Amino acid sequence: MDFKTVTSNLLREFELKHVSYALIGGFAVSLWGYQRSTVDMDFMVNRNDMDKVRKIVENLGYRCIHASENVTQFDSEDKRQGKLDFLHAFRPTSLLMLDRAELKTIFDGEQTIPVILPEDLIGLKVQAIKNDPSRTPLDMADIEALMNIVGAKLDWKRIEGYFELFEMQETFAKLRQKYNA
């Protein structure tokens, strides 16, 4: 995937069409300081903007491979374009995540992109683990890396709320103790 070209094309169109979005997933985790490889791009998008998003990405040569109430996924025959996943924000919690997103610079300052805050990335990772326990090793590595990098600056109360929401209080207690929060 050619991340630079893909983000350039998407962000230009998102801005022109006034799409409310933020980067999530592995690329977002990397922008908070934990470098790991990823093969796709994941975004959170206000569900009200999904019709616009679908038109944008289809005009860029992607095809929809899955659509549900919560997520829409696209792929391209052109491997330089890769895969795009869009998590739909429509519940109060996810809409707040979009509102709190922070602008980060990418590609040596050539572009800026809103990125979900580390606490909210952790919340999404907790949800992913709850929904699919086979994701636990990768998502726990991301969670612990964010906790290690951001540490005391994290809003631990918000993180605790995510773990409580998904009935993972024991895991949170162990992590909190491990990271002295």
Protein backbone atom coordinates (compact mmCIF):
# COMPACT_ATOMS: atom_id res chain seq x y z
CA MET A 1 0.00 0.00 0.00
CA ASP A 2 1.28 3.45 -0.90
CA PHE A 3 0.19 5.20 2.31
CA LYS A 4 1.33 8.64 1.20
CA THR A 5 -0.66 8.65 -2.04
CA VAL A 6 -3.71 7.05 -0.47
CA THR A 7 -3.83 9.54 2.41
CA SER A 8 -3.21 12.47 0.08
CA ASN A 9 -6.12 11.46 -2.16
CA LEU A 10 -8.48 10.63 0.70
CA LEU A 11 -7.74 13.64 2.89
CA ARG A 12 -8.12 16.08 0.02
CA GLU A 13 -11.56 14.65 -0.80
CA PHE A 14 -12.61 14.37 2.87
CA GLU A 15 -11.83 18.05 3.35
CA LEU A 16 -13.63 19.10 0.16
CA LYS A 17 -16.73 17.12 1.13
CA HIS A 18 -16.57 18.07 4.84
CA VAL A 19 -16.29 14.50 6.10
CA SER A 20 -15.89 14.10 9.88
CA TYR A 21 -13.15 11.47 10.30
CA ALA A 22 -10.08 10.40 12.26
CA LEU A 23 -7.39 7.80 11.79
CA ILE A 24 -7.58 4.67 13.96
CA GLY A 25 -5.86 1.28 13.89
CA GLY A 26 -2.21 0.38 13.42
CA PHE A 27 -1.23 3.51 11.51
CA ALA A 28 -2.71 5.64 14.31
CA VAL A 29 -0.86 3.63 16.96
CA SER A 30 2.36 4.31 15.03
CA LEU A 31 1.70 8.05 15.08
CA TRP A 32 1.58 7.91 18.89
CA GLY A 33 5.07 6.42 18.94
CA TYR A 34 4.76 2.63 18.67
CA GLN A 35 6.10 1.66 15.28
CA ARG A 36 4.52 -1.44 13.86
CA SER A 37 3.74 -2.58 10.39
CA THR A 38 0.25 -2.42 8.99
CA VAL A 39 -1.16 -3.31 5.60
CA ASP A 40 -4.35 -1.26 5.59
CA MET A 41 -5.77 2.02 6.78
CA ASP A 42 -8.53 2.31 9.34
CA PHE A 43 -10.70 5.36 9.91
CA MET A 44 -13.53 6.33 12.19
CA VAL A 45 -16.10 8.34 10.26
CA ASN A 46 -19.33 9.98 11.33
CA ARG A 47 -21.97 7.56 10.06
CA ASN A 48 -23.88 10.51 8.58
CA ASP A 49 -20.94 10.99 6.20
CA MET A 50 -20.73 7.40 4.96
CA ASP A 51 -22.61 8.06 1.72
CA LYS A 52 -20.02 10.72 0.88
CA VAL A 53 -17.17 8.41 1.93
CA ARG A 54 -18.46 5.58 -0.21
CA LYS A 55 -18.67 7.83 -3.28
CA ILE A 56 -15.17 9.20 -2.62
CA VAL A 57 -13.47 5.83 -2.25
CA GLU A 58 -15.36 4.23 -5.12
CA ASN A 59 -14.34 7.17 -7.36
CA LEU A 60 -10.75 6.45 -6.30
CA GLY A 61 -11.08 2.89 -7.60
CA TYR A 62 -12.08 0.92 -4.51
CA ARG A 63 -14.94 -1.54 -4.27
CA CYS A 64 -17.02 -2.24 -1.20
CA ILE A 65 -16.38 -5.75 0.15
CA HIS A 66 -18.45 -5.46 3.35
CA ALA A 67 -20.98 -3.04 4.77
CA SER A 68 -22.90 -3.22 8.03
CA GLU A 69 -24.36 -0.86 10.60
CA ASN A 70 -20.95 -0.53 12.26
CA VAL A 71 -18.29 -0.84 9.58
CA THR A 72 -17.68 -0.56 5.84
CA GLN A 73 -14.64 -2.13 4.17
CA PHE A 74 -13.15 -1.45 0.78
CA ASP A 75 -10.48 -3.11 -1.34
CA SER A 76 -8.79 -2.27 -4.60
CA GLU A 77 -7.35 -4.43 -7.34
CA ASP A 78 -4.46 -1.95 -7.36
CA LYS A 79 -2.29 -3.19 -4.48
CA ARG A 80 -0.79 0.31 -4.10
CA GLN A 81 -4.22 1.43 -2.90
CA GLY A 82 -4.63 -1.41 -0.41
CA LYS A 83 -7.60 -1.88 1.89
CA LEU A 84 -9.61 0.74 3.73
CA ASP A 85 -11.81 0.12 6.76
CA PHE A 86 -14.29 2.67 8.09
CA LEU A 87 -15.73 2.32 11.57
CA HIS A 88 -19.03 4.22 11.78
CA ALA A 89 -19.31 6.72 14.61
CA PHE A 90 -22.90 7.20 15.70
CA ARG A 91 -23.03 6.35 19.39
CA PRO A 92 -22.21 9.13 21.86
CA THR A 93 -18.90 7.52 22.86
CA SER A 94 -17.59 7.19 19.30
CA LEU A 95 -18.76 10.69 18.37
CA LEU A 96 -16.78 12.01 21.34
CA MET A 97 -13.74 10.11 20.09
CA LEU A 98 -14.03 11.98 16.78
CA ASP A 99 -14.40 15.30 18.56
CA ARG A 100 -11.29 14.67 20.68
CA ALA A 101 -9.07 13.57 17.78
CA GLU A 102 -5.77 15.42 17.55
CA LEU A 103 -4.10 16.64 14.36
CA LYS A 104 -0.79 14.91 13.68
CA THR A 105 1.69 15.56 10.91
CA ILE A 106 2.71 12.73 8.63
CA PHE A 107 5.25 12.22 5.87
CA ASP A 108 7.77 14.73 7.21
CA GLY A 109 5.17 17.40 7.70
CA GLU A 110 3.67 17.18 4.21
CA GLN A 111 0.20 16.26 5.49
CA THR A 112 -1.85 16.55 8.66
CA ILE A 113 -4.45 14.05 9.76
CA PRO A 114 -6.79 13.84 12.74
CA VAL A 115 -5.85 10.85 14.91
CA ILE A 116 -7.87 9.29 17.72
CA LEU A 117 -6.31 9.90 21.15
CA PRO A 118 -4.35 7.06 22.79
CA GLU A 119 -7.06 6.46 25.43
CA ASP A 120 -9.66 6.07 22.71
CA LEU A 121 -7.41 3.82 20.63
CA ILE A 122 -7.07 1.65 23.73
CA GLY A 123 -10.85 1.61 24.03
CA LEU A 124 -11.20 0.45 20.42
CA LYS A 125 -8.56 -2.23 21.02
CA VAL A 126 -10.44 -3.45 24.11
CA GLN A 127 -13.62 -3.67 22.03
CA ALA A 128 -11.75 -5.58 19.29
CA ILE A 129 -10.47 -8.10 21.85
CA LYS A 130 -13.97 -8.56 23.28
CA ASN A 131 -15.47 -9.03 19.81
CA ASP A 132 -12.72 -11.39 18.59
CA PRO A 133 -10.47 -12.93 21.27
CA SER A 134 -8.07 -14.21 18.59
CA ARG A 135 -6.95 -10.56 18.21
CA THR A 136 -5.74 -10.44 21.83
CA PRO A 137 -1.96 -10.75 21.26
CA LEU A 138 -1.72 -7.95 18.68
CA ASP A 139 -4.22 -5.64 20.36
CA MET A 140 -2.75 -6.15 23.85
CA ALA A 141 0.69 -5.34 22.42
CA ASP A 142 -0.73 -2.07 21.06
CA ILE A 143 -2.49 -1.30 24.35
CA GLU A 144 0.63 -1.92 26.42
CA ALA A 145 2.83 0.03 24.02
CA LEU A 146 0.52 3.05 24.27
CA MET A 147 0.43 2.74 28.06
CA ASN A 148 4.20 2.53 28.16
CA ILE A 149 4.79 5.46 25.80
CA VAL A 150 2.10 7.86 27.04
CA GLY A 151 2.02 6.61 30.65
CA ALA A 152 1.06 9.15 33.28
CA LYS A 153 -0.39 11.53 30.69
CA LEU A 154 -3.17 9.05 29.92
CA ASP A 155 -6.69 9.60 31.18
CA TRP A 156 -6.75 6.37 33.17
CA LYS A 157 -10.35 6.96 34.27
CA ARG A 158 -11.51 6.96 30.64
CA ILE A 159 -9.48 3.82 29.95
CA GLU A 160 -11.00 2.13 33.00
CA GLY A 161 -14.44 2.97 31.63
CA TYR A 162 -13.67 1.15 28.39
CA PHE A 163 -12.47 -1.94 30.23
CA GLU A 164 -15.60 -1.85 32.42
CA LEU A 165 -17.86 -1.45 29.39
CA PHE A 166 -16.48 -4.67 27.94
CA GLU A 167 -16.36 -6.48 31.31
CA MET A 168 -12.57 -6.71 31.41
CA GLN A 169 -11.94 -5.12 34.83
CA GLU A 170 -9.40 -7.78 35.86
CA THR A 171 -7.26 -7.07 32.82
CA PHE A 172 -7.43 -3.35 33.53
CA ALA A 173 -6.40 -3.83 37.17
CA LYS A 174 -3.33 -5.81 36.09
CA LEU A 175 -2.36 -3.21 33.50
CA ARG A 176 -2.87 -0.33 35.89
CA GLN A 177 -0.62 -1.99 38.44
CA LYS A 178 1.99 -2.84 35.81
CA TYR A 179 2.13 0.76 34.56
CA ASN A 180 1.90 2.36 38.03
CA ALA A 181 -1.14 4.40 37.14
